[in-house]
Amino acid sequence: MTTSPSPAQSKGGDYAIRVVQSMADFSNAEWSTLAGASRDGAAYNPFISHAFLSALEDSGCAVRKTGWLGQHLRLEAPDGALIGALPCYLKSHSQGEYVFDHGWADAFERAGGRYYPKLQATVPFTPATGPRLLVRDGYEPAGVRAALSAGLKAVTEKLGASSAHVTFATQADADALSDAGFLRRTDQQFHFFNDGYGSYDDFLATLASRKRKALKKERREALAGGIEIDRLTGADITERHWDDFFAFYMDTGGRKWGRPYLNRAFYSLVGERMAQDVLLVMARRDGRYIAGAINFIGSDTLYGRHWGCIEDHPYLHFEVCYHQAIDFAIERGLRVVEAGAQGEHKLARGYMPVTTHSAHWISHPGLRNAVADYLQRERREVEHIGEVLAEHGPFRKGQ
């Protein structure tokens, strides 16, 4: 599929979009030339690394059998050199996405339409903002993003998919997709921002007195009964740790979601390929682990993902998932902690509302118009809720 040369004349010459079904169709070396995808580069995001995306496929978590058929876009120069990419999947359902379109699918199919298959440009099972329109270092970003946006629309039409959805996109990617005619959608998460704190106590000093006392009490009570916390990264993480953590993930995920998306093989591959990007926070009592949370470490952001436990203890979830993440971010000098999807309870613990962005290409004119109307109202509501929540943050007024 050759596209018009005008939008992406980066370094001159035409370019072409090629669709491949596996991350194995990208070498680790060429993928690492994409901005944000390399540990050695600026603004590293572990979820768009070759190691993470290939682990999802190689473990069997994001494959055709589970309804995630790779349709990754390669933007190539005439000599085949990679100048841009878009991780993308042909989906037969809407599970594991965290930007919900079930209502759109139901309405379209009740009206006689066929919503699936659709294209999903995202990191599977991962509600974390990051680049989606990936640009090779040294190339002009606006042109490459425009070419990938146009390419995604063309692939949607060629495959006969109802729609294409780019979720948890950066502001720059969302802007480029809007310029290409995609519909803009917003939602909310809660993030902690490290304002140059030297310690957790420095952070506490910025809170209102009542909130500060409540968090101190909460942290004390979380560790009552002799519970201890281990923070593990890199070579300190063993297969035994993964066994324990997976048991927590399956127990809690099975009760919360019904069917957890990730399997045990995925965690072994992550441990093998990118353990230095992982922070496991594990709670221990009487010599055995009883709870844990997995986080991923970027160049300036700590990304909280899954939590699980096999014993229930008051406030332990907050300690393991949120307070320990703040401790680690301050110690490492990380700028942000992203604590995952949903959860207004995070507000009282220093995580403030942040707008997230997605973009949607709807092929059918009638469905597109209905979704556009809905999204206009939804954006206003998200903005209003964010303003209200920000007013109820734990910080002293004037902070």
Protein backbone atom coordinates (compact mmCIF):
# COMPACT_ATOMS: atom_id res chain seq x y z
CA MET A 1 0.00 0.00 0.00
CA THR A 2 1.79 3.12 -1.22
CA THR A 3 0.66 6.46 0.15
CA SER A 4 0.94 9.99 -1.19
CA PRO A 5 4.46 11.37 -0.69
CA SER A 6 3.37 14.84 0.32
CA PRO A 7 2.73 14.49 4.10
CA ALA A 8 5.97 12.73 5.04
CA GLN A 9 8.80 14.09 2.95
CA SER A 10 11.10 13.44 5.90
CA LYS A 11 14.62 13.20 4.50
CA GLY A 12 13.03 13.28 1.06
CA GLY A 13 11.51 10.56 -1.10
CA ASP A 14 8.29 8.58 -1.12
CA TYR A 15 7.19 6.17 1.55
CA ALA A 16 4.89 3.18 1.81
CA ILE A 17 2.71 1.59 4.47
CA ARG A 18 3.19 -2.16 4.94
CA VAL A 19 1.07 -4.23 7.35
CA VAL A 20 2.68 -7.09 9.30
CA GLN A 21 1.11 -9.51 11.76
CA SER A 22 3.85 -9.90 14.35
CA MET A 23 6.39 -7.93 16.29
CA ALA A 24 8.86 -10.49 14.92
CA ASP A 25 8.54 -8.58 11.62
CA PHE A 26 10.45 -5.75 13.30
CA SER A 27 14.00 -6.31 14.45
CA ASN A 28 14.72 -5.15 17.97
CA ALA A 29 17.41 -2.86 16.53
CA GLU A 30 15.13 -1.07 14.07
CA TRP A 31 12.28 -0.81 16.59
CA SER A 32 14.67 0.82 19.04
CA THR A 33 15.22 3.68 16.58
CA LEU A 34 11.64 4.82 17.24
CA ALA A 35 11.30 7.71 19.67
CA GLY A 36 10.31 6.54 23.13
CA ALA A 37 10.87 2.85 22.41
CA SER A 38 14.49 2.57 23.52
CA ARG A 39 15.73 2.48 27.09
CA ASP A 40 18.75 4.46 25.96
CA GLY A 41 16.67 7.24 24.40
CA ALA A 42 14.67 10.13 25.77
CA ALA A 43 11.11 9.75 27.09
CA TYR A 44 11.35 5.95 27.26
CA ASN A 45 7.99 4.22 27.63
CA PRO A 46 8.41 0.53 28.51
CA PHE A 47 5.02 -0.45 27.08
CA ILE A 48 6.03 0.46 23.53
CA SER A 49 9.34 -1.35 23.78
CA HIS A 50 9.92 -4.31 21.49
CA ALA A 51 10.42 -6.45 24.61
CA PHE A 52 6.97 -5.71 26.06
CA LEU A 53 4.96 -5.92 22.85
CA SER A 54 6.70 -9.09 21.72
CA ALA A 55 6.17 -10.67 25.16
CA LEU A 56 2.42 -10.16 24.75
CA GLU A 57 2.52 -12.02 21.44
CA ASP A 58 5.09 -14.70 22.27
CA SER A 59 3.22 -15.67 25.45
CA GLY A 60 -0.04 -16.10 23.53
CA CYS A 61 -1.81 -13.24 25.33
CA ALA A 62 -2.28 -10.92 22.32
CA VAL A 63 -2.71 -13.23 19.33
CA ARG A 64 -5.41 -14.28 16.87
CA LYS A 65 -6.75 -16.96 19.26
CA THR A 66 -7.48 -14.36 21.96
CA GLY A 67 -9.01 -11.90 19.47
CA TRP A 68 -5.89 -9.74 19.02
CA LEU A 69 -4.53 -10.35 15.52
CA GLY A 70 -1.50 -8.17 14.85
CA GLN A 71 -1.94 -5.66 12.04
CA HIS A 72 1.07 -3.50 12.78
CA LEU A 73 1.80 -0.65 10.40
CA ARG A 74 5.32 -0.16 9.08
CA LEU A 75 6.02 3.19 7.43
CA GLU A 76 8.96 2.53 5.14
CA ALA A 77 11.31 4.50 2.94
CA PRO A 78 11.82 3.22 -0.65
CA ASP A 79 14.77 1.12 0.52
CA GLY A 80 12.63 -0.59 3.17
CA ALA A 81 14.09 1.35 6.08
CA LEU A 82 11.64 1.87 8.94
CA ILE A 83 10.71 5.52 9.50
CA GLY A 84 7.54 5.06 11.55
CA ALA A 85 5.30 2.39 13.06
CA LEU A 86 1.91 1.88 14.69
CA PRO A 87 1.20 -1.12 16.96
CA CYS A 88 -2.25 -2.25 15.86
CA TYR A 89 -4.56 -5.27 16.18
CA LEU A 90 -7.62 -6.57 14.37
CA LYS A 91 -10.14 -7.21 17.14
CA SER A 92 -13.17 -9.49 17.30
CA HIS A 93 -14.33 -8.06 20.67
CA SER A 94 -13.80 -5.02 22.90
CA GLN A 95 -12.16 -6.66 25.90
CA GLY A 96 -8.89 -5.55 27.48
CA GLU A 97 -9.04 -1.99 26.15
CA TYR A 98 -10.23 0.26 29.05
CA VAL A 99 -11.78 2.79 26.64
CA PHE A 100 -15.24 1.33 26.38
CA ASP A 101 -17.14 1.15 23.10
CA HIS A 102 -19.55 -1.67 23.93
CA GLY A 103 -22.48 0.73 23.63
CA TRP A 104 -21.41 1.78 20.14
CA ALA A 105 -21.09 -1.86 19.07
CA ASP A 106 -24.50 -2.81 20.50
CA ALA A 107 -26.27 0.14 18.90
CA PHE A 108 -24.68 -0.44 15.49
CA GLU A 109 -25.46 -4.15 15.47
CA ARG A 110 -29.07 -3.57 16.61
CA ALA A 111 -29.39 -1.27 13.61
CA GLY A 112 -28.18 -4.05 11.30
CA GLY A 113 -24.52 -3.06 11.12
CA ARG A 114 -21.42 -5.19 11.72
CA TYR A 115 -19.11 -3.62 14.29
CA TYR A 116 -16.52 -6.40 14.46
CA PRO A 117 -13.85 -6.76 13.28
CA LYS A 118 -12.39 -3.41 14.21
CA LEU A 119 -8.83 -2.12 14.43
CA GLN A 120 -7.33 -1.22 17.81
CA ALA A 121 -4.09 0.77 17.87
CA THR A 122 -2.91 0.46 21.43
CA VAL A 123 -0.86 -1.59 23.87
CA PRO A 124 -3.07 -4.57 24.76
CA PHE A 125 -4.41 -4.72 28.32
CA THR A 126 -2.51 -1.53 29.25
CA PRO A 127 -4.39 1.68 30.14
CA ALA A 128 -1.27 3.86 30.12
CA THR A 129 -0.70 6.92 27.96
CA GLY A 130 2.16 6.67 25.51
CA PRO A 131 3.13 7.34 21.90
CA ARG A 132 1.15 5.39 19.33
CA LEU A 133 2.23 7.04 16.06
CA LEU A 134 5.86 6.09 16.48
CA VAL A 135 8.46 8.22 14.71
CA ARG A 136 12.04 7.23 13.95
CA ASP A 137 14.57 9.51 15.63
CA GLY A 138 15.78 12.17 13.24
CA TYR A 139 12.61 12.30 11.15
CA GLU A 140 10.13 15.16 11.14
CA PRO A 141 7.36 14.04 13.56
CA ALA A 142 4.40 15.90 12.06
CA GLY A 143 4.87 14.36 8.62
CA VAL A 144 5.34 10.83 9.93
CA ARG A 145 2.32 11.11 12.21
CA ALA A 146 0.21 12.38 9.31
CA ALA A 147 1.36 9.49 7.13
CA LEU A 148 0.56 6.90 9.81
CA SER A 149 -2.86 8.48 10.43
CA ALA A 150 -3.66 8.31 6.72
CA GLY A 151 -2.29 4.79 6.57
CA LEU A 152 -4.52 3.61 9.42
CA LYS A 153 -7.60 4.93 7.64
CA ALA A 154 -6.54 3.19 4.42
CA VAL A 155 -5.92 -0.12 6.21
CA THR A 156 -9.33 0.13 7.90
CA GLU A 157 -10.98 0.46 4.50
CA LYS A 158 -8.89 -2.29 2.91
CA LEU A 159 -9.73 -4.78 5.67
CA GLY A 160 -13.40 -3.87 5.71
CA ALA A 161 -13.25 -3.04 9.41
CA SER A 162 -15.98 -0.90 10.91
CA SER A 163 -13.61 1.44 12.69
CA ALA A 164 -10.12 2.16 14.02
CA HIS A 165 -9.43 3.20 17.61
CA VAL A 166 -6.20 4.73 18.91
CA THR A 167 -6.37 4.66 22.69
CA PHE A 168 -4.31 6.25 25.48
CA ALA A 169 -2.53 8.42 22.92
CA THR A 170 -0.25 11.33 23.68
CA GLN A 171 -1.54 14.84 23.10
CA ALA A 172 0.65 15.16 19.97
CA ASP A 173 -0.70 11.92 18.50
CA ALA A 174 -4.29 12.82 19.35
CA ASP A 175 -3.84 16.19 17.63
CA ALA A 176 -2.43 14.54 14.51
CA LEU A 177 -5.28 12.05 14.39
CA SER A 178 -7.85 14.83 14.85
CA ASP A 179 -6.28 16.66 11.92
CA ALA A 180 -6.77 13.47 9.89
CA GLY A 181 -10.49 13.39 10.71
CA PHE A 182 -10.53 11.04 13.68
CA LEU A 183 -13.07 11.75 16.43
CA ARG A 184 -11.55 12.91 19.72
CA ARG A 185 -12.44 11.24 23.01
CA THR A 186 -11.33 12.09 26.54
CA ASP A 187 -11.40 10.29 29.85
CA GLN A 188 -9.79 10.62 33.26
CA GLN A 189 -7.06 8.98 35.30
CA PHE A 190 -5.25 9.92 38.51
CA HIS A 191 -1.51 10.64 38.48
CA PHE A 192 0.96 11.67 41.16
CA PHE A 193 3.32 14.51 40.26
CA ASN A 194 6.70 14.68 41.96
CA ASP A 195 7.29 18.37 42.61
CA GLY A 196 10.97 17.86 43.35
CA TYR A 197 10.31 16.21 46.72
CA GLY A 198 13.33 14.97 48.63
CA SER A 199 11.28 12.47 50.65
CA TYR A 200 7.75 11.25 51.28
CA ASP A 201 7.64 13.59 54.27
CA ASP A 202 8.29 16.52 51.91
CA PHE A 203 5.24 15.46 49.94
CA LEU A 204 3.17 15.11 53.13
CA ALA A 205 4.14 18.64 54.12
CA THR A 206 2.20 19.97 51.11
CA LEU A 207 -1.06 18.37 52.27
CA ALA A 208 -3.77 19.79 54.45
CA SER A 209 -3.19 18.82 58.09
CA ARG A 210 -6.17 16.47 58.29
CA LYS A 211 -5.16 14.67 55.10
CA ARG A 212 -1.56 14.39 56.26
CA LYS A 213 -2.56 12.76 59.54
CA ALA A 214 -4.92 10.37 57.77
CA LEU A 215 -2.21 9.12 55.40
CA LYS A 216 0.30 8.63 58.21
CA LYS A 217 -2.24 6.58 60.13
CA GLU A 218 -3.18 4.61 57.01
CA ARG A 219 0.43 3.64 56.33
CA ARG A 220 0.97 2.53 59.92
CA GLU A 221 -2.15 0.40 59.97
CA ALA A 222 -1.35 -1.16 56.59
CA LEU A 223 1.76 -2.74 58.08
CA ALA A 224 0.18 -3.84 61.36
CA GLY A 225 0.54 -7.48 62.27
CA GLY A 226 4.15 -7.75 61.19
CA ILE A 227 3.68 -7.11 57.47
CA GLU A 228 6.89 -6.10 55.70
CA ILE A 229 7.43 -4.66 52.23
CA ASP A 230 10.04 -5.76 49.69
CA ARG A 231 10.74 -3.71 46.57
CA LEU A 232 12.37 -5.79 43.84
CA THR A 233 13.85 -4.80 40.48
CA GLY A 234 16.18 -6.32 37.90
CA ALA A 235 18.10 -9.46 38.83
CA ASP A 236 16.51 -9.51 42.30
CA ILE A 237 13.28 -10.76 40.70
CA THR A 238 13.28 -14.54 40.44
CA GLU A 239 10.86 -17.09 38.99
CA ARG A 240 9.73 -17.75 42.56
CA HIS A 241 8.67 -14.11 42.85
CA TRP A 242 6.80 -14.39 39.55
CA ASP A 243 5.04 -17.53 40.81
CA ASP A 244 3.87 -15.70 43.91
CA PHE A 245 2.84 -12.57 42.06
CA PHE A 246 0.96 -14.54 39.40
CA ALA A 247 -1.02 -16.29 42.13
CA PHE A 248 -2.03 -12.86 43.50
CA TYR A 249 -2.92 -11.63 40.00
CA MET A 250 -5.07 -14.67 39.23
CA ASP A 251 -6.87 -14.61 42.59
CA THR A 252 -7.76 -10.92 42.54
CA GLY A 253 -8.17 -10.65 38.77
CA GLY A 254 -10.47 -13.64 38.70
CA ARG A 255 -12.76 -12.02 41.25
CA LYS A 256 -12.57 -8.54 39.74
CA TRP A 257 -12.70 -9.21 35.99
CA GLY A 258 -13.82 -12.82 35.75
CA ARG A 259 -10.98 -13.81 33.43
CA PRO A 260 -7.51 -12.29 33.77
CA TYR A 261 -5.93 -11.42 30.42
CA LEU A 262 -2.29 -12.29 31.10
CA ASN A 263 -0.77 -15.73 31.60
CA ARG A 264 2.18 -17.02 33.58
CA ALA A 265 4.41 -17.23 30.48
CA PHE A 266 4.05 -13.49 29.92
CA TYR A 267 5.59 -12.67 33.29
CA SER A 268 8.53 -14.99 32.69
CA LEU A 269 9.20 -13.29 29.35
CA VAL A 270 9.01 -9.85 30.97
CA GLY A 271 11.42 -11.04 33.64
CA GLU A 272 13.78 -12.36 30.99
CA ARG A 273 13.64 -9.40 28.61
CA MET A 274 13.05 -6.28 30.69
CA ALA A 275 13.43 -6.96 34.41
CA GLN A 276 15.33 -3.70 34.84
CA ASP A 277 12.12 -1.91 33.83
CA VAL A 278 10.04 -3.71 36.48
CA LEU A 279 9.33 -2.80 40.09
CA LEU A 280 7.62 -5.52 42.11
CA VAL A 281 6.27 -4.34 45.45
CA MET A 282 5.67 -7.44 47.56
CA ALA A 283 4.08 -7.65 51.03
CA ARG A 284 5.38 -10.38 53.32
CA ARG A 285 3.90 -11.80 56.54
CA ASP A 286 5.25 -14.69 58.61
CA GLY A 287 7.89 -15.47 56.01
CA ARG A 288 5.64 -15.70 52.95
CA TYR A 289 4.37 -13.24 50.39
CA ILE A 290 0.68 -12.40 50.68
CA ALA A 291 0.21 -9.50 48.23
CA GLY A 292 2.00 -7.61 45.51
CA ALA A 293 1.83 -5.01 42.76
CA ILE A 294 3.74 -4.75 39.50
CA ASN A 295 4.98 -1.42 38.16
CA PHE A 296 6.96 -0.55 35.04
CA ILE A 297 9.72 2.05 35.05
CA GLY A 298 10.06 4.62 32.26
CA SER A 299 12.59 7.40 31.87
CA ASP A 300 10.52 9.81 33.97
CA THR A 301 7.36 7.89 34.88
CA LEU A 302 6.45 4.92 37.06
CA TYR A 303 3.48 3.03 35.67
CA GLY A 304 1.37 1.06 38.16
CA ARG A 305 -0.34 -1.96 36.64
CA HIS A 306 -1.66 -5.00 38.50
CA TRP A 307 -2.28 -5.74 42.14
CA GLY A 308 -3.29 -8.94 43.82
CA CYS A 309 -3.45 -10.58 47.24
CA ILE A 310 -4.24 -13.87 48.95
CA GLU A 311 -4.95 -12.28 52.35
CA ASP A 312 -7.07 -9.23 53.08
CA HIS A 313 -5.58 -6.58 55.38
CA PRO A 314 -6.90 -3.04 55.94
CA TYR A 315 -5.18 -0.41 53.79
CA LEU A 316 -2.61 -2.86 52.39
CA HIS A 317 -3.78 -2.23 48.84
CA PHE A 318 -3.17 1.51 49.25
CA GLU A 319 0.28 0.94 50.75
CA VAL A 320 1.49 -1.52 48.14
CA CYS A 321 0.01 0.23 45.10
CA TYR A 322 0.11 3.96 45.84
CA HIS A 323 2.29 4.94 48.79
CA GLN A 324 5.17 2.65 47.84
CA ALA A 325 5.00 3.92 44.26
CA ILE A 326 5.34 7.51 45.51
CA ASP A 327 8.28 6.49 47.71
CA PHE A 328 10.03 4.86 44.76
CA ALA A 329 9.36 7.75 42.38
CA ILE A 330 10.78 10.28 44.85
CA GLU A 331 13.86 8.13 45.49
CA ARG A 332 14.48 7.65 41.75
CA GLY A 333 13.68 11.24 40.82
CA LEU A 334 10.81 10.16 38.56
CA ARG A 335 8.44 12.95 37.61
CA VAL A 336 5.11 11.10 37.48
CA VAL A 337 3.35 8.03 38.85
CA GLU A 338 0.51 6.79 36.64
CA ALA A 339 -1.70 4.60 38.77
CA GLY A 340 -3.77 2.96 36.04
CA ALA A 341 -7.44 3.19 35.20
CA GLN A 342 -10.26 4.58 37.34
CA GLY A 343 -10.23 5.05 41.09
CA GLU A 344 -11.33 8.31 42.71
CA HIS A 345 -9.96 6.89 45.98
CA LYS A 346 -6.51 7.79 44.63
CA LEU A 347 -7.32 11.49 45.01
CA ALA A 348 -6.97 11.44 48.81
CA ARG A 349 -3.52 9.86 48.40
CA GLY A 350 -2.04 12.62 46.27
CA TYR A 351 -3.00 11.44 42.79
CA MET A 352 -4.66 14.22 40.82
CA PRO A 353 -7.10 14.01 37.89
CA VAL A 354 -5.52 14.02 34.43
CA THR A 355 -7.24 13.94 31.05
CA THR A 356 -6.46 11.00 28.77
CA HIS A 357 -7.01 10.99 25.01
CA SER A 358 -8.13 8.58 22.33
CA ALA A 359 -9.08 8.97 18.69
CA HIS A 360 -11.63 7.05 16.63
CA TRP A 361 -12.20 6.59 12.90
CA ILE A 362 -15.74 5.39 12.16
CA SER A 363 -16.35 4.22 8.60
CA HIS A 364 -20.17 4.25 8.54
CA PRO A 365 -21.50 7.84 8.22
CA GLY A 366 -24.57 7.24 10.41
CA LEU A 367 -22.60 5.63 13.23
CA ARG A 368 -19.91 8.27 12.90
CA ASN A 369 -22.41 11.11 13.32
CA ALA A 370 -24.04 9.45 16.34
CA VAL A 371 -20.67 8.83 18.01
CA ALA A 372 -19.50 12.38 17.26
CA ASP A 373 -22.59 13.79 18.99
CA TYR A 374 -22.08 11.52 21.99
CA LEU A 375 -18.39 12.39 22.31
CA GLN A 376 -19.06 16.11 22.25
CA ARG A 377 -21.30 15.75 25.31
CA GLU A 378 -18.95 13.27 26.97
CA ARG A 379 -15.95 15.62 26.65
CA ARG A 380 -17.86 18.40 28.41
CA GLU A 381 -18.78 16.03 31.22
CA VAL A 382 -15.21 14.74 31.62
CA GLU A 383 -13.90 18.30 31.78
CA HIS A 384 -16.47 19.29 34.38
CA ILE A 385 -15.80 16.25 36.57
CA GLY A 386 -12.06 16.90 36.39
CA GLU A 387 -12.50 20.47 37.59
CA VAL A 388 -14.70 19.35 40.49
CA LEU A 389 -12.30 16.59 41.54
CA ALA A 390 -9.28 18.90 41.40
CA GLU A 391 -11.02 21.19 43.89
CA HIS A 392 -11.21 18.29 46.35
CA GLY A 393 -7.55 17.30 46.23
CA PRO A 394 -5.64 16.76 49.50
CA PHE A 395 -3.21 19.64 49.06
CA ARG A 396 -3.25 22.79 51.16
CA LYS A 397 -5.06 25.60 49.44
CA GLY A 398 -2.63 27.76 47.54
CA GLN A 399 -0.29 24.84 46.78
